[in-house]
Amino acid sequence: MIKIAESTELWYFQRFFTNKYKKCPFCLKNTLVKNGRKNGRQRYKCSQCKRYRPQNERPDNRLLLYQYIHHKQTCSHLAQHHHCRIKTIRRRIR
């Protein structure tokens, strides 16, 4: 992120309006905009390629195992964090 000024107000303003985390996975441009809700979750649509960002991305098994062992997180905490069921977490850890 480019630093505009030393002022904290400008820093918060820049951080609020940057589109850093809303990159389209298909065209790789920063053109995602909010487009309603589905099942209680925010949907994003790319204004360039007109496709929706995938809502339910599957959690990586290695990441789950790493968080479970090294960060000592419980299955229920991992399920809440990744928005899936506890059975899914247990199956993927095995």
N, C-alpha and C. Protein backbone atom coordinates (compact mmCIF):
# COMPACT_ATOMS: atom_id res chain seq x y z
N MET A 1 0.83 -1.16 0.00
CA MET A 1 0.00 0.00 0.00
C MET A 1 0.89 1.24 0.00
N ILE A 2 0.59 2.20 -0.82
CA ILE A 2 1.36 3.43 -0.91
C ILE A 2 0.98 4.34 0.24
N LYS A 3 1.96 4.89 0.89
CA LYS A 3 1.71 5.76 2.03
C LYS A 3 1.44 7.17 1.52
N ILE A 4 0.28 7.73 1.84
CA ILE A 4 -0.06 9.08 1.39
C ILE A 4 0.59 10.12 2.29
N ALA A 5 0.38 9.98 3.58
CA ALA A 5 0.91 10.96 4.52
C ALA A 5 1.09 10.29 5.87
N GLU A 6 1.70 11.04 6.77
CA GLU A 6 1.93 10.51 8.11
C GLU A 6 0.67 10.61 8.98
N SER A 7 -0.33 11.30 8.54
CA SER A 7 -1.54 11.50 9.33
C SER A 7 -2.32 10.19 9.44
N THR A 8 -2.82 9.90 10.64
CA THR A 8 -3.58 8.67 10.85
C THR A 8 -4.93 8.74 10.16
N GLU A 9 -5.50 9.94 10.05
CA GLU A 9 -6.79 10.09 9.38
C GLU A 9 -6.68 9.70 7.91
N LEU A 10 -5.63 10.17 7.25
CA LEU A 10 -5.44 9.81 5.85
C LEU A 10 -5.14 8.34 5.68
N TRP A 11 -4.42 7.77 6.65
CA TRP A 11 -4.10 6.35 6.59
C TRP A 11 -5.38 5.52 6.67
N TYR A 12 -6.27 5.86 7.62
CA TYR A 12 -7.53 5.14 7.73
C TYR A 12 -8.40 5.35 6.49
N PHE A 13 -8.40 6.56 5.94
CA PHE A 13 -9.16 6.84 4.74
C PHE A 13 -8.68 5.98 3.58
N GLN A 14 -7.35 5.89 3.40
CA GLN A 14 -6.79 5.10 2.32
C GLN A 14 -7.09 3.62 2.53
N ARG A 15 -6.94 3.14 3.75
CA ARG A 15 -7.19 1.73 4.05
C ARG A 15 -8.65 1.37 3.81
N PHE A 16 -9.57 2.28 4.12
CA PHE A 16 -10.99 2.02 3.95
C PHE A 16 -11.37 1.95 2.47
N PHE A 17 -10.76 2.78 1.65
CA PHE A 17 -11.17 2.85 0.25
C PHE A 17 -10.31 2.03 -0.70
N THR A 18 -9.26 1.39 -0.22
CA THR A 18 -8.49 0.54 -1.13
C THR A 18 -9.23 -0.75 -1.37
N ASN A 19 -9.04 -1.31 -2.53
CA ASN A 19 -9.73 -2.52 -2.94
C ASN A 19 -8.76 -3.69 -2.94
N LYS A 20 -7.88 -3.73 -1.96
CA LYS A 20 -6.77 -4.68 -1.93
C LYS A 20 -7.25 -6.13 -1.86
N TYR A 21 -8.26 -6.40 -1.06
CA TYR A 21 -8.69 -7.77 -0.81
C TYR A 21 -9.82 -8.22 -1.70
N LYS A 22 -10.24 -7.39 -2.65
CA LYS A 22 -11.36 -7.74 -3.51
C LYS A 22 -10.88 -7.91 -4.94
N LYS A 23 -10.01 -8.88 -5.15
CA LYS A 23 -9.47 -9.15 -6.48
C LYS A 23 -10.24 -10.31 -7.09
N CYS A 24 -10.63 -10.16 -8.34
CA CYS A 24 -11.38 -11.20 -9.04
C CYS A 24 -10.47 -12.41 -9.28
N PRO A 25 -10.91 -13.62 -8.90
CA PRO A 25 -10.06 -14.80 -9.12
C PRO A 25 -10.00 -15.23 -10.58
N PHE A 26 -10.88 -14.69 -11.43
CA PHE A 26 -10.92 -15.09 -12.84
C PHE A 26 -10.10 -14.16 -13.73
N CYS A 27 -10.35 -12.85 -13.63
CA CYS A 27 -9.62 -11.90 -14.49
C CYS A 27 -8.48 -11.21 -13.75
N LEU A 28 -8.35 -11.44 -12.45
CA LEU A 28 -7.27 -10.92 -11.60
C LEU A 28 -7.19 -9.40 -11.58
N LYS A 29 -8.34 -8.74 -11.67
CA LYS A 29 -8.39 -7.28 -11.58
C LYS A 29 -9.10 -6.89 -10.29
N ASN A 30 -8.86 -5.68 -9.83
CA ASN A 30 -9.50 -5.18 -8.61
C ASN A 30 -10.84 -4.54 -8.94
N THR A 31 -11.75 -5.33 -9.49
CA THR A 31 -13.03 -4.78 -9.94
C THR A 31 -14.22 -5.45 -9.28
N LEU A 32 -14.03 -6.08 -8.13
CA LEU A 32 -15.16 -6.70 -7.45
C LEU A 32 -15.98 -5.66 -6.71
N VAL A 33 -17.30 -5.76 -6.85
CA VAL A 33 -18.22 -4.87 -6.15
C VAL A 33 -19.25 -5.72 -5.42
N LYS A 34 -19.78 -5.18 -4.35
CA LYS A 34 -20.81 -5.90 -3.60
C LYS A 34 -22.05 -6.05 -4.48
N ASN A 35 -22.68 -7.25 -4.39
CA ASN A 35 -23.86 -7.50 -5.21
C ASN A 35 -24.83 -8.38 -4.43
N GLY A 36 -25.42 -7.84 -3.38
CA GLY A 36 -26.44 -8.55 -2.63
C GLY A 36 -25.89 -9.58 -1.67
N ARG A 37 -26.81 -10.38 -1.13
CA ARG A 37 -26.46 -11.43 -0.17
C ARG A 37 -27.12 -12.73 -0.59
N LYS A 38 -26.47 -13.83 -0.23
CA LYS A 38 -27.03 -15.15 -0.49
C LYS A 38 -26.70 -16.02 0.71
N ASN A 39 -27.71 -16.62 1.31
CA ASN A 39 -27.56 -17.43 2.51
C ASN A 39 -26.86 -16.67 3.63
N GLY A 40 -27.15 -15.38 3.75
CA GLY A 40 -26.58 -14.57 4.81
C GLY A 40 -25.15 -14.12 4.58
N ARG A 41 -24.57 -14.42 3.42
CA ARG A 41 -23.19 -14.05 3.14
C ARG A 41 -23.15 -13.05 1.99
N GLN A 42 -22.24 -12.10 2.08
CA GLN A 42 -22.09 -11.08 1.05
C GLN A 42 -21.60 -11.69 -0.25
N ARG A 43 -22.21 -11.28 -1.38
CA ARG A 43 -21.77 -11.74 -2.70
C ARG A 43 -21.02 -10.62 -3.39
N TYR A 44 -20.02 -10.99 -4.19
CA TYR A 44 -19.24 -10.02 -4.95
C TYR A 44 -19.27 -10.40 -6.42
N LYS A 45 -19.44 -9.39 -7.28
CA LYS A 45 -19.49 -9.61 -8.72
C LYS A 45 -18.41 -8.73 -9.37
N CYS A 46 -17.72 -9.30 -10.33
CA CYS A 46 -16.68 -8.56 -11.04
C CYS A 46 -17.36 -7.68 -12.09
N SER A 47 -17.07 -6.39 -12.06
CA SER A 47 -17.68 -5.50 -13.04
C SER A 47 -16.98 -5.59 -14.40
N GLN A 48 -15.83 -6.25 -14.44
CA GLN A 48 -15.09 -6.41 -15.70
C GLN A 48 -15.57 -7.65 -16.47
N CYS A 49 -15.53 -8.83 -15.82
CA CYS A 49 -15.88 -10.08 -16.53
C CYS A 49 -17.29 -10.58 -16.19
N LYS A 50 -18.00 -9.86 -15.31
CA LYS A 50 -19.40 -10.16 -14.95
C LYS A 50 -19.58 -11.53 -14.30
N ARG A 51 -18.56 -12.05 -13.62
CA ARG A 51 -18.68 -13.34 -12.93
C ARG A 51 -18.67 -13.09 -11.43
N TYR A 52 -19.25 -14.05 -10.71
CA TYR A 52 -19.30 -13.95 -9.27
C TYR A 52 -18.11 -14.65 -8.64
N ARG A 53 -17.62 -14.09 -7.54
CA ARG A 53 -16.54 -14.74 -6.80
C ARG A 53 -17.11 -15.97 -6.12
N PRO A 54 -16.40 -17.09 -6.15
CA PRO A 54 -16.91 -18.29 -5.49
C PRO A 54 -17.13 -18.02 -4.00
N GLN A 55 -18.30 -18.43 -3.51
CA GLN A 55 -18.65 -18.13 -2.13
C GLN A 55 -18.05 -19.14 -1.17
N ASN A 56 -18.16 -20.39 -1.49
CA ASN A 56 -17.69 -21.42 -0.59
C ASN A 56 -16.43 -22.06 -1.14
N GLU A 57 -15.31 -21.53 -0.74
CA GLU A 57 -14.05 -22.12 -1.15
C GLU A 57 -13.69 -23.19 -0.13
N ARG A 58 -13.27 -24.33 -0.61
CA ARG A 58 -12.96 -25.44 0.29
C ARG A 58 -11.70 -25.14 1.08
N PRO A 59 -11.71 -25.43 2.37
CA PRO A 59 -10.49 -25.21 3.16
C PRO A 59 -9.41 -26.22 2.79
N ASP A 60 -8.18 -25.78 2.78
CA ASP A 60 -7.05 -26.63 2.44
C ASP A 60 -6.78 -27.60 3.59
N ASN A 61 -6.61 -28.89 3.27
CA ASN A 61 -6.40 -29.90 4.30
C ASN A 61 -5.12 -29.66 5.09
N ARG A 62 -4.06 -29.26 4.41
CA ARG A 62 -2.79 -29.00 5.11
C ARG A 62 -2.92 -27.83 6.06
N LEU A 63 -3.65 -26.80 5.64
CA LEU A 63 -3.86 -25.64 6.50
C LEU A 63 -4.67 -26.02 7.73
N LEU A 64 -5.72 -26.82 7.53
CA LEU A 64 -6.53 -27.27 8.67
C LEU A 64 -5.69 -28.07 9.66
N LEU A 65 -4.89 -28.98 9.16
CA LEU A 65 -4.04 -29.80 10.02
C LEU A 65 -3.02 -28.95 10.77
N TYR A 66 -2.45 -27.98 10.08
CA TYR A 66 -1.48 -27.08 10.71
C TYR A 66 -2.13 -26.27 11.83
N GLN A 67 -3.31 -25.72 11.56
CA GLN A 67 -4.02 -24.94 12.58
C GLN A 67 -4.44 -25.81 13.74
N TYR A 68 -4.81 -27.04 13.46
CA TYR A 68 -5.26 -27.97 14.50
C TYR A 68 -4.10 -28.38 15.41
N ILE A 69 -2.94 -28.68 14.83
CA ILE A 69 -1.81 -29.17 15.62
C ILE A 69 -1.00 -28.03 16.23
N HIS A 70 -0.54 -27.10 15.41
CA HIS A 70 0.39 -26.08 15.88
C HIS A 70 -0.28 -24.92 16.60
N HIS A 71 -1.46 -24.53 16.15
CA HIS A 71 -2.16 -23.43 16.81
C HIS A 71 -3.12 -23.92 17.88
N LYS A 72 -3.23 -25.25 18.00
CA LYS A 72 -4.05 -25.90 19.04
C LYS A 72 -5.49 -25.38 19.04
N GLN A 73 -6.08 -25.34 17.83
CA GLN A 73 -7.48 -24.93 17.72
C GLN A 73 -8.37 -26.16 17.72
N THR A 74 -9.55 -26.04 18.29
CA THR A 74 -10.48 -27.16 18.33
C THR A 74 -11.20 -27.30 16.99
N CYS A 75 -11.82 -28.44 16.80
CA CYS A 75 -12.58 -28.67 15.56
C CYS A 75 -13.75 -27.71 15.44
N SER A 76 -14.40 -27.42 16.56
CA SER A 76 -15.54 -26.50 16.50
C SER A 76 -15.09 -25.08 16.15
N HIS A 77 -13.93 -24.67 16.66
CA HIS A 77 -13.43 -23.34 16.32
C HIS A 77 -13.05 -23.27 14.84
N LEU A 78 -12.42 -24.32 14.33
CA LEU A 78 -12.06 -24.36 12.91
C LEU A 78 -13.30 -24.37 12.03
N ALA A 79 -14.34 -25.08 12.47
CA ALA A 79 -15.59 -25.12 11.70
C ALA A 79 -16.24 -23.74 11.63
N GLN A 80 -16.21 -23.01 12.72
CA GLN A 80 -16.77 -21.66 12.72
C GLN A 80 -15.95 -20.74 11.82
N HIS A 81 -14.64 -20.87 11.89
CA HIS A 81 -13.77 -20.00 11.12
C HIS A 81 -13.90 -20.25 9.61
N HIS A 82 -14.04 -21.50 9.20
CA HIS A 82 -14.11 -21.84 7.78
C HIS A 82 -15.54 -22.01 7.28
N HIS A 83 -16.53 -21.74 8.11
CA HIS A 83 -17.95 -21.79 7.75
C HIS A 83 -18.36 -23.15 7.21
N CYS A 84 -18.05 -24.20 7.95
CA CYS A 84 -18.47 -25.53 7.56
C CYS A 84 -18.80 -26.32 8.82
N ARG A 85 -19.17 -27.58 8.66
CA ARG A 85 -19.57 -28.41 9.80
C ARG A 85 -18.35 -29.05 10.47
N ILE A 86 -18.54 -29.45 11.72
CA ILE A 86 -17.47 -30.09 12.49
C ILE A 86 -17.09 -31.42 11.85
N LYS A 87 -18.08 -32.14 11.33
CA LYS A 87 -17.80 -33.41 10.66
C LYS A 87 -16.86 -33.22 9.47
N THR A 88 -17.05 -32.13 8.75
CA THR A 88 -16.19 -31.85 7.60
C THR A 88 -14.76 -31.63 8.04
N ILE A 89 -14.57 -30.88 9.12
CA ILE A 89 -13.23 -30.62 9.65
C ILE A 89 -12.57 -31.92 10.07
N ARG A 90 -13.30 -32.76 10.81
CA ARG A 90 -12.75 -34.02 11.28
C ARG A 90 -12.35 -34.94 10.11
N ARG A 91 -13.20 -34.98 9.09
CA ARG A 91 -12.92 -35.81 7.93
C ARG A 91 -11.68 -35.32 7.19
N ARG A 92 -11.51 -34.03 7.06
CA ARG A 92 -10.38 -33.48 6.33
C ARG A 92 -9.08 -33.61 7.12
N ILE A 93 -9.15 -33.59 8.44
CA ILE A 93 -7.95 -33.74 9.27
C ILE A 93 -7.44 -35.18 9.19
N ARG A 94 -8.35 -36.12 9.13
CA ARG A 94 -7.94 -37.54 9.03
C ARG A 94 -7.19 -37.74 7.75
